[in-house]
Amino acid sequence: MPLRVLTAILFALAASVLPHALVHASYPDHIVKIVVPFAPGGGTDVVARTLAQEMHKDLGVSVIIENKPGAGTIIGTQSVAASPPDGYTLLMATFANAVNPSLTSKLPYDAHKDFAPVALVARSFNVVVVNPSSPIKSIADLIAAAKADPEKLSYGTYGTGTSAHLAGELFKHMAGVNLTTVPYKGAAPAITDLLGGQIQVMFTTVASCASLVEAGQLRAIGVTSAERSPSFPQLPTVSEAGVPGYSAESWYGLYAPANTPPEIIDRLNKSAAKAVQAEAFRKLSVNEGLVMVAKPPAELDRYFAGEQARWRSLIQDAGIKAE
């Protein structure tokens, strides 16, 4: 091949590759947006805002939150799936992203194929709580009471397919008991009825119950995580307290649109891993009952696939459908 032809080919290849390399090397050079598919003020919003605050320090650009609630997280999630794969629009995904494919017959995106995992940021759990005047003082007591009178006990939940709801359904399935599900529009009205004796038990978040447990207004009898929580070290897990193998947790994972360049994914993963080491997250882990993990993309991918499979089985067996 003549030298001038070879030179032309190499020049053309360099010209096609160099702009992309420069773009990736300069990333990020403007605002990064994290879409939260919930309204402001909830647990996911708090975690995302803390993450954005810390990632801003590392990335050197503003990292902002855009709340896009609606349709059980589907609206916000779809907006990220349809965004350019350039690392400037990200999704704070949760438990809902793993269960929505099983709750809804047709989603406007593929929960696995349309997203690139960035980092598994944190895992959390629910606390099993009862009224302090209740004779139920342990998970074993709850199981015994439910078996003694299958129609008597009810548990409050706040949204079909939420971690609080499915934690209760998994408990019923694995413990072989019946608890009547009573839906509410939020944790607060459900807790009000628990305090008033209208329902007997809840599987609820740390943020919604910790202060009430501390004040003696609620009695905590177990945690739904696989291991005991540093936030409630005195509480047994449901598994060790009478339902072997039981585990139900919520989680927070950062995603980008599919086909985002791996160099950008790696940059974001390292930034998220650095962010969760900050003091702000240490405080958040206590207040929200979080276990900070900051796992790499491949770990989030495996974790998500496992969560999707395990909850699909329960949802199908129980006949649960999105409202």
C-alpha atoms as a PDB file:
ATOM      1  CA  MET A   1       0.000   0.000   0.000  1.00  0.00           C
ATOM      2  CA  PRO A   2       1.445   3.408  -0.990  1.00  0.00           C
ATOM      3  CA  LEU A   3       2.613   5.503   1.927  1.00  0.00           C
ATOM      4  CA  ARG A   4       0.328   8.397   1.047  1.00  0.00           C
ATOM      5  CA  VAL A   5      -2.747   6.109   1.058  1.00  0.00           C
ATOM      6  CA  LEU A   6      -1.780   4.593   4.409  1.00  0.00           C
ATOM      7  CA  THR A   7      -1.226   8.066   5.841  1.00  0.00           C
ATOM      8  CA  ALA A   8      -4.648   9.207   4.625  1.00  0.00           C
ATOM      9  CA  ILE A   9      -6.329   6.184   6.212  1.00  0.00           C
ATOM     10  CA  LEU A  10      -4.597   6.713   9.550  1.00  0.00           C
ATOM     11  CA  PHE A  11      -5.466  10.409   9.466  1.00  0.00           C
ATOM     12  CA  ALA A  12      -9.123   9.626   8.798  1.00  0.00           C
ATOM     13  CA  LEU A  13      -9.209   7.117  11.665  1.00  0.00           C
ATOM     14  CA  ALA A  14      -7.602   9.575  14.050  1.00  0.00           C
ATOM     15  CA  ALA A  15     -10.014  12.303  12.998  1.00  0.00           C
ATOM     16  CA  SER A  16     -12.993  10.071  13.714  1.00  0.00           C
ATOM     17  CA  VAL A  17     -11.720   8.847  17.095  1.00  0.00           C
ATOM     18  CA  LEU A  18     -10.068  11.984  18.487  1.00  0.00           C
ATOM     19  CA  PRO A  19     -13.221  14.122  18.974  1.00  0.00           C
ATOM     20  CA  HIS A  20     -14.856  11.339  20.980  1.00  0.00           C
ATOM     21  CA  ALA A  21     -11.730  10.813  23.054  1.00  0.00           C
ATOM     22  CA  LEU A  22     -11.533  14.534  23.783  1.00  0.00           C
ATOM     23  CA  VAL A  23     -15.222  14.648  24.739  1.00  0.00           C
ATOM     24  CA  HIS A  24     -14.766  11.775  27.188  1.00  0.00           C
ATOM     25  CA  ALA A  25     -11.554  13.247  28.597  1.00  0.00           C
ATOM     26  CA  SER A  26     -13.251  16.569  29.323  1.00  0.00           C
ATOM     27  CA  TYR A  27     -16.286  14.979  30.993  1.00  0.00           C
ATOM     28  CA  PRO A  28     -18.012  16.555  32.759  1.00  0.00           C
ATOM     29  CA  ASP A  29     -17.959  20.109  31.488  1.00  0.00           C
ATOM     30  CA  HIS A  30     -21.498  21.202  32.389  1.00  0.00           C
ATOM     31  CA  ILE A  31     -24.376  20.422  34.744  1.00  0.00           C
ATOM     32  CA  VAL A  32     -25.112  16.774  35.579  1.00  0.00           C
ATOM     33  CA  LYS A  33     -28.756  16.020  36.382  1.00  0.00           C
ATOM     34  CA  ILE A  34     -30.041  13.195  38.579  1.00  0.00           C
ATOM     35  CA  VAL A  35     -33.709  12.403  37.971  1.00  0.00           C
ATOM     36  CA  VAL A  36     -35.610  11.292  41.074  1.00  0.00           C
ATOM     37  CA  PRO A  37     -38.888   9.599  40.059  1.00  0.00           C
ATOM     38  CA  PHE A  38     -40.564  10.674  43.316  1.00  0.00           C
ATOM     39  CA  ALA A  39     -41.853  13.933  44.766  1.00  0.00           C
ATOM     40  CA  PRO A  40     -39.436  16.081  46.808  1.00  0.00           C
ATOM     41  CA  GLY A  41     -38.920  15.293  50.479  1.00  0.00           C
ATOM     42  CA  GLY A  42     -39.029  11.501  50.546  1.00  0.00           C
ATOM     43  CA  GLY A  43     -36.214   9.113  51.355  1.00  0.00           C
ATOM     44  CA  THR A  44     -35.083   8.725  47.741  1.00  0.00           C
ATOM     45  CA  ASP A  45     -35.005  12.495  47.302  1.00  0.00           C
ATOM     46  CA  VAL A  46     -32.901  12.919  50.444  1.00  0.00           C
ATOM     47  CA  VAL A  47     -30.383  10.284  49.354  1.00  0.00           C
ATOM     48  CA  ALA A  48     -30.156  11.733  45.840  1.00  0.00           C
ATOM     49  CA  ARG A  49     -29.641  15.292  47.077  1.00  0.00           C
ATOM     50  CA  THR A  50     -26.920  14.205  49.469  1.00  0.00           C
ATOM     51  CA  LEU A  51     -25.244  12.263  46.679  1.00  0.00           C
ATOM     52  CA  ALA A  52     -25.509  15.241  44.307  1.00  0.00           C
ATOM     53  CA  GLN A  53     -24.003  17.563  46.901  1.00  0.00           C
ATOM     54  CA  GLU A  54     -20.976  15.320  47.413  1.00  0.00           C
ATOM     55  CA  MET A  55     -20.495  14.396  43.736  1.00  0.00           C
ATOM     56  CA  HIS A  56     -20.460  18.101  42.867  1.00  0.00           C
ATOM     57  CA  LYS A  57     -17.340  18.494  45.014  1.00  0.00           C
ATOM     58  CA  ASP A  58     -15.592  15.697  43.162  1.00  0.00           C
ATOM     59  CA  LEU A  59     -16.768  16.330  39.590  1.00  0.00           C
ATOM     60  CA  GLY A  60     -16.266  20.082  39.723  1.00  0.00           C
ATOM     61  CA  VAL A  61     -19.628  20.877  38.097  1.00  0.00           C
ATOM     62  CA  SER A  62     -23.113  21.400  39.483  1.00  0.00           C
ATOM     63  CA  VAL A  63     -25.060  18.204  40.096  1.00  0.00           C
ATOM     64  CA  ILE A  64     -28.771  18.978  40.339  1.00  0.00           C
ATOM     65  CA  ILE A  65     -31.899  17.024  41.192  1.00  0.00           C
ATOM     66  CA  GLU A  66     -34.963  16.936  38.972  1.00  0.00           C
ATOM     67  CA  ASN A  67     -38.034  15.416  40.626  1.00  0.00           C
ATOM     68  CA  LYS A  68     -40.307  13.654  38.126  1.00  0.00           C
ATOM     69  CA  PRO A  69     -42.908  11.726  40.117  1.00  0.00           C
ATOM     70  CA  GLY A  70     -45.829   9.841  38.655  1.00  0.00           C
ATOM     71  CA  ALA A  71     -47.113   6.412  37.588  1.00  0.00           C
ATOM     72  CA  GLY A  72     -45.188   4.589  40.289  1.00  0.00           C
ATOM     73  CA  THR A  73     -41.790   5.987  39.145  1.00  0.00           C
ATOM     74  CA  ILE A  74     -42.422   5.128  35.477  1.00  0.00           C
ATOM     75  CA  ILE A  75     -42.587   8.741  34.214  1.00  0.00           C
ATOM     76  CA  GLY A  76     -39.225   9.795  35.615  1.00  0.00           C
ATOM     77  CA  THR A  77     -37.582   6.513  34.689  1.00  0.00           C
ATOM     78  CA  GLN A  78     -38.803   6.751  31.086  1.00  0.00           C
ATOM     79  CA  SER A  79     -37.413  10.277  30.773  1.00  0.00           C
ATOM     80  CA  VAL A  80     -33.910   8.990  31.555  1.00  0.00           C
ATOM     81  CA  ALA A  81     -34.238   6.017  29.193  1.00  0.00           C
ATOM     82  CA  ALA A  82     -35.004   8.489  26.392  1.00  0.00           C
ATOM     83  CA  SER A  83     -32.112  10.853  27.263  1.00  0.00           C
ATOM     84  CA  PRO A  84     -28.802  11.067  25.351  1.00  0.00           C
ATOM     85  CA  PRO A  85     -26.218   8.569  26.648  1.00  0.00           C
ATOM     86  CA  ASP A  86     -23.692  11.260  27.482  1.00  0.00           C
ATOM     87  CA  GLY A  87     -23.501  11.041  31.268  1.00  0.00           C
ATOM     88  CA  TYR A  88     -25.392  14.275  31.904  1.00  0.00           C
ATOM     89  CA  THR A  89     -28.777  12.734  32.772  1.00  0.00           C
ATOM     90  CA  LEU A  90     -28.835  10.027  35.436  1.00  0.00           C
ATOM     91  CA  LEU A  91     -31.513   8.104  37.332  1.00  0.00           C
ATOM     92  CA  MET A  92     -31.761   7.438  41.054  1.00  0.00           C
ATOM     93  CA  ALA A  93     -33.369   4.016  40.857  1.00  0.00           C
ATOM     94  CA  THR A  94     -34.957   2.144  43.729  1.00  0.00           C
ATOM     95  CA  PHE A  95     -36.751  -1.048  44.698  1.00  0.00           C
ATOM     96  CA  ALA A  96     -39.604   0.125  42.429  1.00  0.00           C
ATOM     97  CA  ASN A  97     -37.472  -0.270  39.313  1.00  0.00           C
ATOM     98  CA  ALA A  98     -36.964  -3.963  40.060  1.00  0.00           C
ATOM     99  CA  VAL A  99     -40.639  -4.727  40.770  1.00  0.00           C
ATOM    100  CA  ASN A 100     -42.433  -2.547  38.200  1.00  0.00           C
ATOM    101  CA  PRO A 101     -41.817  -5.012  35.333  1.00  0.00           C
ATOM    102  CA  SER A 102     -43.743  -7.615  37.358  1.00  0.00           C
ATOM    103  CA  LEU A 103     -46.515  -5.236  38.449  1.00  0.00           C
ATOM    104  CA  THR A 104     -47.188  -3.652  35.055  1.00  0.00           C
ATOM    105  CA  SER A 105     -47.817  -5.654  31.896  1.00  0.00           C
ATOM    106  CA  LYS A 106     -46.281  -3.104  29.552  1.00  0.00           C
ATOM    107  CA  LEU A 107     -43.610  -0.555  30.436  1.00  0.00           C
ATOM    108  CA  PRO A 108     -42.422   2.150  27.987  1.00  0.00           C
ATOM    109  CA  TYR A 109     -38.839   0.948  28.529  1.00  0.00           C
ATOM    110  CA  ASP A 110     -36.903  -2.207  29.286  1.00  0.00           C
ATOM    111  CA  ALA A 111     -35.796  -1.988  32.908  1.00  0.00           C
ATOM    112  CA  HIS A 112     -32.575  -3.828  32.120  1.00  0.00           C
ATOM    113  CA  LYS A 113     -31.646  -3.148  28.480  1.00  0.00           C
ATOM    114  CA  ASP A 114     -32.385   0.594  28.408  1.00  0.00           C
ATOM    115  CA  PHE A 115     -30.090   1.529  31.299  1.00  0.00           C
ATOM    116  CA  ALA A 116     -26.410   1.295  32.130  1.00  0.00           C
ATOM    117  CA  PRO A 117     -25.639   0.596  35.810  1.00  0.00           C
ATOM    118  CA  VAL A 118     -23.357   3.148  37.472  1.00  0.00           C
ATOM    119  CA  ALA A 119     -23.257   2.332  41.196  1.00  0.00           C
ATOM    120  CA  LEU A 120     -25.227   0.536  43.880  1.00  0.00           C
ATOM    121  CA  VAL A 121     -25.200   3.402  46.362  1.00  0.00           C
ATOM    122  CA  ALA A 122     -26.962   2.089  49.478  1.00  0.00           C
ATOM    123  CA  ARG A 123     -29.261  -0.547  50.893  1.00  0.00           C
ATOM    124  CA  SER A 124     -31.912  -0.093  53.558  1.00  0.00           C
ATOM    125  CA  PHE A 125     -34.589  -2.094  55.348  1.00  0.00           C
ATOM    126  CA  ASN A 126     -37.930  -1.852  57.090  1.00  0.00           C
ATOM    127  CA  VAL A 127     -38.713  -2.142  60.771  1.00  0.00           C
ATOM    128  CA  VAL A 128     -41.576  -4.319  62.013  1.00  0.00           C
ATOM    129  CA  VAL A 129     -43.541  -2.221  64.507  1.00  0.00           C
ATOM    130  CA  VAL A 130     -46.634  -2.703  66.665  1.00  0.00           C
ATOM    131  CA  ASN A 131     -48.571  -0.630  69.163  1.00  0.00           C
ATOM    132  CA  PRO A 132     -46.721  -0.587  72.516  1.00  0.00           C
ATOM    133  CA  SER A 133     -49.891  -1.785  74.278  1.00  0.00           C
ATOM    134  CA  SER A 134     -50.088  -4.832  72.010  1.00  0.00           C
ATOM    135  CA  PRO A 135     -49.446  -8.271  73.528  1.00  0.00           C
ATOM    136  CA  ILE A 136     -47.201  -8.908  70.520  1.00  0.00           C
ATOM    137  CA  LYS A 137     -43.638  -8.461  71.752  1.00  0.00           C
ATOM    138  CA  SER A 138     -41.700 -10.486  69.175  1.00  0.00           C
ATOM    139  CA  ILE A 139     -41.842 -11.943  65.683  1.00  0.00           C
ATOM    140  CA  ALA A 140     -42.697 -15.295  67.265  1.00  0.00           C
ATOM    141  CA  ASP A 141     -45.647 -13.653  69.049  1.00  0.00           C
ATOM    142  CA  LEU A 142     -46.812 -12.132  65.746  1.00  0.00           C
ATOM    143  CA  ILE A 143     -46.719 -15.497  64.006  1.00  0.00           C
ATOM    144  CA  ALA A 144     -48.527 -17.203  66.887  1.00  0.00           C
ATOM    145  CA  ALA A 145     -51.244 -14.538  67.003  1.00  0.00           C
ATOM    146  CA  ALA A 146     -51.772 -14.693  63.244  1.00  0.00           C
ATOM    147  CA  LYS A 147     -52.068 -18.484  63.315  1.00  0.00           C
ATOM    148  CA  ALA A 148     -54.382 -18.442  66.325  1.00  0.00           C
ATOM    149  CA  ASP A 149     -56.876 -16.142  64.597  1.00  0.00           C
ATOM    150  CA  PRO A 150     -56.185 -15.868  60.827  1.00  0.00           C
ATOM    151  CA  GLU A 151     -58.839 -13.187  60.269  1.00  0.00           C
ATOM    152  CA  LYS A 152     -57.942 -10.876  63.140  1.00  0.00           C
ATOM    153  CA  LEU A 153     -54.628  -9.218  62.305  1.00  0.00           C
ATOM    154  CA  SER A 154     -54.051  -6.569  59.666  1.00  0.00           C
ATOM    155  CA  TYR A 155     -51.006  -4.639  58.507  1.00  0.00           C
ATOM    156  CA  GLY A 156     -50.824  -1.184  57.009  1.00  0.00           C
ATOM    157  CA  THR A 157     -49.020  -0.372  53.800  1.00  0.00           C
ATOM    158  CA  TYR A 158     -48.623   2.677  51.598  1.00  0.00           C
ATOM    159  CA  GLY A 159     -48.610   1.857  47.926  1.00  0.00           C
ATOM    160  CA  THR A 160     -48.919  -1.357  45.943  1.00  0.00           C
ATOM    161  CA  GLY A 161     -45.524  -2.862  45.251  1.00  0.00           C
ATOM    162  CA  THR A 162     -43.600  -0.661  47.684  1.00  0.00           C
ATOM    163  CA  SER A 163     -40.939  -2.271  49.844  1.00  0.00           C
ATOM    164  CA  ALA A 164     -43.212  -1.893  52.885  1.00  0.00           C
ATOM    165  CA  HIS A 165     -46.023  -3.721  51.083  1.00  0.00           C
ATOM    166  CA  LEU A 166     -43.938  -6.545  49.638  1.00  0.00           C
ATOM    167  CA  ALA A 167     -42.027  -7.017  52.892  1.00  0.00           C
ATOM    168  CA  GLY A 168     -45.387  -7.819  54.484  1.00  0.00           C
ATOM    169  CA  GLU A 169     -46.436 -10.109  51.640  1.00  0.00           C
ATOM    170  CA  LEU A 170     -43.140 -11.969  51.822  1.00  0.00           C
ATOM    171  CA  PHE A 171     -43.603 -12.374  55.579  1.00  0.00           C
ATOM    172  CA  LYS A 172     -47.078 -13.844  55.073  1.00  0.00           C
ATOM    173  CA  HIS A 173     -45.774 -16.227  52.431  1.00  0.00           C
ATOM    174  CA  MET A 174     -42.697 -17.435  54.310  1.00  0.00           C
ATOM    175  CA  ALA A 175     -44.282 -17.577  57.782  1.00  0.00           C
ATOM    176  CA  GLY A 176     -47.410 -19.278  56.466  1.00  0.00           C
ATOM    177  CA  VAL A 177     -49.779 -16.767  58.059  1.00  0.00           C
ATOM    178  CA  ASN A 178     -52.572 -14.464  56.990  1.00  0.00           C
ATOM    179  CA  LEU A 179     -52.498 -10.721  57.606  1.00  0.00           C
ATOM    180  CA  THR A 180     -55.131  -8.503  56.020  1.00  0.00           C
ATOM    181  CA  THR A 181     -53.500  -5.791  53.917  1.00  0.00           C
ATOM    182  CA  VAL A 182     -54.850  -2.290  54.588  1.00  0.00           C
ATOM    183  CA  PRO A 183     -53.653   0.317  52.030  1.00  0.00           C
ATOM    184  CA  TYR A 184     -52.934   3.944  52.933  1.00  0.00           C
ATOM    185  CA  LYS A 185     -51.776   6.968  50.966  1.00  0.00           C
ATOM    186  CA  GLY A 186     -48.642   7.351  53.068  1.00  0.00           C
ATOM    187  CA  ALA A 187     -46.761   6.164  56.126  1.00  0.00           C
ATOM    188  CA  ALA A 188     -48.155   8.889  58.408  1.00  0.00           C
ATOM    189  CA  PRO A 189     -51.865   7.913  58.195  1.00  0.00           C
ATOM    190  CA  ALA A 190     -50.958   4.244  58.515  1.00  0.00           C
ATOM    191  CA  ILE A 191     -48.937   4.911  61.667  1.00  0.00           C
ATOM    192  CA  THR A 192     -51.808   7.000  63.041  1.00  0.00           C
ATOM    193  CA  ASP A 193     -54.112   4.008  62.697  1.00  0.00           C
ATOM    194  CA  LEU A 194     -51.492   1.707  64.202  1.00  0.00           C
ATOM    195  CA  LEU A 195     -51.315   3.990  67.233  1.00  0.00           C
ATOM    196  CA  GLY A 196     -55.122   4.029  67.357  1.00  0.00           C
ATOM    197  CA  GLY A 197     -55.443   0.255  67.193  1.00  0.00           C
ATOM    198  CA  GLN A 198     -57.191   0.090  63.795  1.00  0.00           C
ATOM    199  CA  ILE A 199     -54.341  -2.052  62.425  1.00  0.00           C
ATOM    200  CA  GLN A 200     -51.960  -4.290  64.360  1.00  0.00           C
ATOM    201  CA  VAL A 201     -48.585  -4.183  62.595  1.00  0.00           C
ATOM    202  CA  MET A 202     -46.526  -2.332  59.990  1.00  0.00           C
ATOM    203  CA  PHE A 203     -43.374  -2.974  57.999  1.00  0.00           C
ATOM    204  CA  THR A 204     -42.162   0.610  57.731  1.00  0.00           C
ATOM    205  CA  THR A 205     -39.069   2.694  57.084  1.00  0.00           C
ATOM    206  CA  VAL A 206     -36.567   3.763  59.721  1.00  0.00           C
ATOM    207  CA  ALA A 207     -37.226   7.442  58.945  1.00  0.00           C
ATOM    208  CA  SER A 208     -40.963   7.067  59.573  1.00  0.00           C
ATOM    209  CA  CYS A 209     -40.721   5.202  62.881  1.00  0.00           C
ATOM    210  CA  ALA A 210     -37.354   5.767  64.614  1.00  0.00           C
ATOM    211  CA  SER A 211     -38.397   8.774  66.701  1.00  0.00           C
ATOM    212  CA  LEU A 212     -41.671   7.084  67.708  1.00  0.00           C
ATOM    213  CA  VAL A 213     -39.848   3.916  68.743  1.00  0.00           C
ATOM    214  CA  GLU A 214     -37.375   5.973  70.763  1.00  0.00           C
ATOM    215  CA  ALA A 215     -40.244   7.821  72.466  1.00  0.00           C
ATOM    216  CA  GLY A 216     -42.020   4.578  73.329  1.00  0.00           C
ATOM    217  CA  GLN A 217     -44.989   5.323  71.073  1.00  0.00           C
ATOM    218  CA  LEU A 218     -44.256   2.304  68.899  1.00  0.00           C
ATOM    219  CA  ARG A 219     -42.678  -1.037  69.728  1.00  0.00           C
ATOM    220  CA  ALA A 220     -40.135  -2.390  67.240  1.00  0.00           C
ATOM    221  CA  ILE A 221     -39.935  -6.186  67.136  1.00  0.00           C
ATOM    222  CA  GLY A 222     -37.598  -6.884  64.219  1.00  0.00           C
ATOM    223  CA  VAL A 223     -35.827  -5.651  61.111  1.00  0.00           C
ATOM    224  CA  THR A 224     -36.318  -7.012  57.614  1.00  0.00           C
ATOM    225  CA  SER A 225     -32.646  -6.979  56.565  1.00  0.00           C
ATOM    226  CA  ALA A 226     -30.528 -10.113  56.282  1.00  0.00           C
ATOM    227  CA  GLU A 227     -28.209  -8.882  59.039  1.00  0.00           C
ATOM    228  CA  ARG A 228     -28.842  -6.856  62.188  1.00  0.00           C
ATOM    229  CA  SER A 229     -28.776  -3.119  61.657  1.00  0.00           C
ATOM    230  CA  PRO A 230     -26.264  -0.766  63.296  1.00  0.00           C
ATOM    231  CA  SER A 231     -29.231   1.601  63.764  1.00  0.00           C
ATOM    232  CA  PHE A 232     -31.148  -1.007  65.830  1.00  0.00           C
ATOM    233  CA  PRO A 233     -28.480  -3.464  67.057  1.00  0.00           C
ATOM    234  CA  GLN A 234     -30.759  -4.792  69.768  1.00  0.00           C
ATOM    235  CA  LEU A 235     -33.437  -5.897  67.285  1.00  0.00           C
ATOM    236  CA  PRO A 236     -33.294  -9.362  65.766  1.00  0.00           C
ATOM    237  CA  THR A 237     -33.788  -9.876  62.061  1.00  0.00           C
ATOM    238  CA  VAL A 238     -37.076 -11.473  61.028  1.00  0.00           C
ATOM    239  CA  SER A 239     -34.998 -14.407  59.802  1.00  0.00           C
ATOM    240  CA  GLU A 240     -33.330 -15.116  63.142  1.00  0.00           C
ATOM    241  CA  ALA A 241     -36.543 -14.405  65.063  1.00  0.00           C
ATOM    242  CA  GLY A 242     -38.652 -17.097  63.467  1.00  0.00           C
ATOM    243  CA  VAL A 243     -38.713 -16.949  59.638  1.00  0.00           C
ATOM    244  CA  PRO A 244     -35.423 -18.467  58.437  1.00  0.00           C
ATOM    245  CA  GLY A 245     -34.146 -17.057  55.158  1.00  0.00           C
ATOM    246  CA  TYR A 246     -36.404 -14.006  55.237  1.00  0.00           C
ATOM    247  CA  SER A 247     -34.904 -10.799  53.850  1.00  0.00           C
ATOM    248  CA  ALA A 248     -36.555  -7.721  52.370  1.00  0.00           C
ATOM    249  CA  GLU A 249     -34.696  -4.522  51.724  1.00  0.00           C
ATOM    250  CA  SER A 250     -34.972  -1.340  49.740  1.00  0.00           C
ATOM    251  CA  TRP A 251     -32.027   0.117  47.856  1.00  0.00           C
ATOM    252  CA  TYR A 252     -30.724   3.061  45.862  1.00  0.00           C
ATOM    253  CA  GLY A 253     -28.831   2.658  42.615  1.00  0.00           C
ATOM    254  CA  LEU A 254     -27.471   5.187  40.132  1.00  0.00           C
ATOM    255  CA  TYR A 255     -28.098   4.522  36.434  1.00  0.00           C
ATOM    256  CA  ALA A 256     -27.335   6.201  33.113  1.00  0.00           C
ATOM    257  CA  PRO A 257     -29.042   5.636  29.754  1.00  0.00           C
ATOM    258  CA  ALA A 258     -27.874   2.545  27.862  1.00  0.00           C
ATOM    259  CA  ASN A 259     -24.800   2.989  25.645  1.00  0.00           C
ATOM    260  CA  THR A 260     -23.235   5.630  27.875  1.00  0.00           C
ATOM    261  CA  PRO A 261     -19.463   5.328  27.231  1.00  0.00           C
ATOM    262  CA  PRO A 262     -17.675   3.096  29.766  1.00  0.00           C
ATOM    263  CA  GLU A 263     -15.144   5.842  30.542  1.00  0.00           C
ATOM    264  CA  ILE A 264     -17.987   8.082  31.726  1.00  0.00           C
ATOM    265  CA  ILE A 265     -19.594   5.261  33.715  1.00  0.00           C
ATOM    266  CA  ASP A 266     -16.260   4.637  35.437  1.00  0.00           C
ATOM    267  CA  ARG A 267     -15.852   8.335  36.271  1.00  0.00           C
ATOM    268  CA  LEU A 268     -19.332   8.499  37.765  1.00  0.00           C
ATOM    269  CA  ASN A 269     -18.854   5.276  39.716  1.00  0.00           C
ATOM    270  CA  LYS A 270     -15.655   6.544  41.308  1.00  0.00           C
ATOM    271  CA  SER A 271     -17.334   9.837  42.169  1.00  0.00           C
ATOM    272  CA  ALA A 272     -20.301   8.084  43.809  1.00  0.00           C
ATOM    273  CA  ALA A 273     -17.977   5.780  45.759  1.00  0.00           C
ATOM    274  CA  LYS A 274     -16.095   8.801  47.076  1.00  0.00           C
ATOM    275  CA  ALA A 275     -19.331  10.641  47.891  1.00  0.00           C
ATOM    276  CA  VAL A 276     -20.734   7.975  50.224  1.00  0.00           C
ATOM    277  CA  GLN A 277     -17.623   8.206  52.408  1.00  0.00           C
ATOM    278  CA  ALA A 278     -18.539  11.796  53.335  1.00  0.00           C
ATOM    279  CA  GLU A 279     -19.744  12.853  56.778  1.00  0.00           C
ATOM    280  CA  ALA A 280     -23.117  13.826  55.304  1.00  0.00           C
ATOM    281  CA  PHE A 281     -23.732  10.202  54.385  1.00  0.00           C
ATOM    282  CA  ARG A 282     -22.600   8.964  57.783  1.00  0.00           C
ATOM    283  CA  LYS A 283     -25.339  11.065  59.361  1.00  0.00           C
ATOM    284  CA  LEU A 284     -27.826   9.944  56.738  1.00  0.00           C
ATOM    285  CA  SER A 285     -27.037   6.302  57.358  1.00  0.00           C
ATOM    286  CA  VAL A 286     -28.073   6.730  60.997  1.00  0.00           C
ATOM    287  CA  ASN A 287     -31.206   8.782  60.314  1.00  0.00           C
ATOM    288  CA  GLU A 288     -32.452   6.678  57.385  1.00  0.00           C
ATOM    289  CA  GLY A 289     -31.102   3.279  58.423  1.00  0.00           C
ATOM    290  CA  LEU A 290     -28.891   3.060  55.334  1.00  0.00           C
ATOM    291  CA  VAL A 291     -25.953   0.789  54.716  1.00  0.00           C
ATOM    292  CA  MET A 292     -23.664   2.629  52.309  1.00  0.00           C
ATOM    293  CA  VAL A 293     -22.142   0.273  49.761  1.00  0.00           C
ATOM    294  CA  ALA A 294     -21.068   2.148  46.571  1.00  0.00           C
ATOM    295  CA  LYS A 295     -20.613  -1.047  44.589  1.00  0.00           C
ATOM    296  CA  PRO A 296     -19.298  -1.050  41.001  1.00  0.00           C
ATOM    297  CA  PRO A 297     -21.567  -1.242  37.920  1.00  0.00           C
ATOM    298  CA  ALA A 298     -21.311  -5.016  37.492  1.00  0.00           C
ATOM    299  CA  GLU A 299     -22.380  -5.550  41.111  1.00  0.00           C
ATOM    300  CA  LEU A 300     -25.434  -3.327  40.654  1.00  0.00           C
ATOM    301  CA  ASP A 301     -26.313  -5.261  37.500  1.00  0.00           C
ATOM    302  CA  ARG A 302     -26.172  -8.601  39.333  1.00  0.00           C
ATOM    303  CA  TYR A 303     -28.027  -7.244  42.350  1.00  0.00           C
ATOM    304  CA  PHE A 304     -30.807  -5.780  40.198  1.00  0.00           C
ATOM    305  CA  ALA A 305     -31.270  -9.039  38.280  1.00  0.00           C
ATOM    306  CA  GLY A 306     -31.526 -10.962  41.550  1.00  0.00           C
ATOM    307  CA  GLU A 307     -34.059  -8.536  43.030  1.00  0.00           C
ATOM    308  CA  GLN A 308     -36.138  -8.584  39.857  1.00  0.00           C
ATOM    309  CA  ALA A 309     -36.291 -12.400  39.854  1.00  0.00           C
ATOM    310  CA  ARG A 310     -37.086 -12.895  43.545  1.00  0.00           C
ATOM    311  CA  TRP A 311     -39.885 -10.339  43.681  1.00  0.00           C
ATOM    312  CA  ARG A 312     -41.383 -11.459  40.361  1.00  0.00           C
ATOM    313  CA  SER A 313     -42.050 -14.858  41.885  1.00  0.00           C
ATOM    314  CA  LEU A 314     -43.794 -13.404  44.943  1.00  0.00           C
ATOM    315  CA  ILE A 315     -45.838 -10.880  42.932  1.00  0.00           C
ATOM    316  CA  GLN A 316     -47.057 -13.541  40.536  1.00  0.00           C
ATOM    317  CA  ASP A 317     -47.892 -16.024  43.296  1.00  0.00           C
ATOM    318  CA  ALA A 318     -49.829 -13.383  45.272  1.00  0.00           C
ATOM    319  CA  GLY A 319     -51.555 -11.974  42.177  1.00  0.00           C
ATOM    320  CA  ILE A 320     -50.440  -8.417  42.940  1.00  0.00           C
ATOM    321  CA  LYS A 321     -51.085  -5.822  40.234  1.00  0.00           C
ATOM    322  CA  ALA A 322     -50.311  -2.102  40.004  1.00  0.00           C
ATOM    323  CA  GLU A 323     -53.215   0.114  41.013  1.00  0.00           C
END
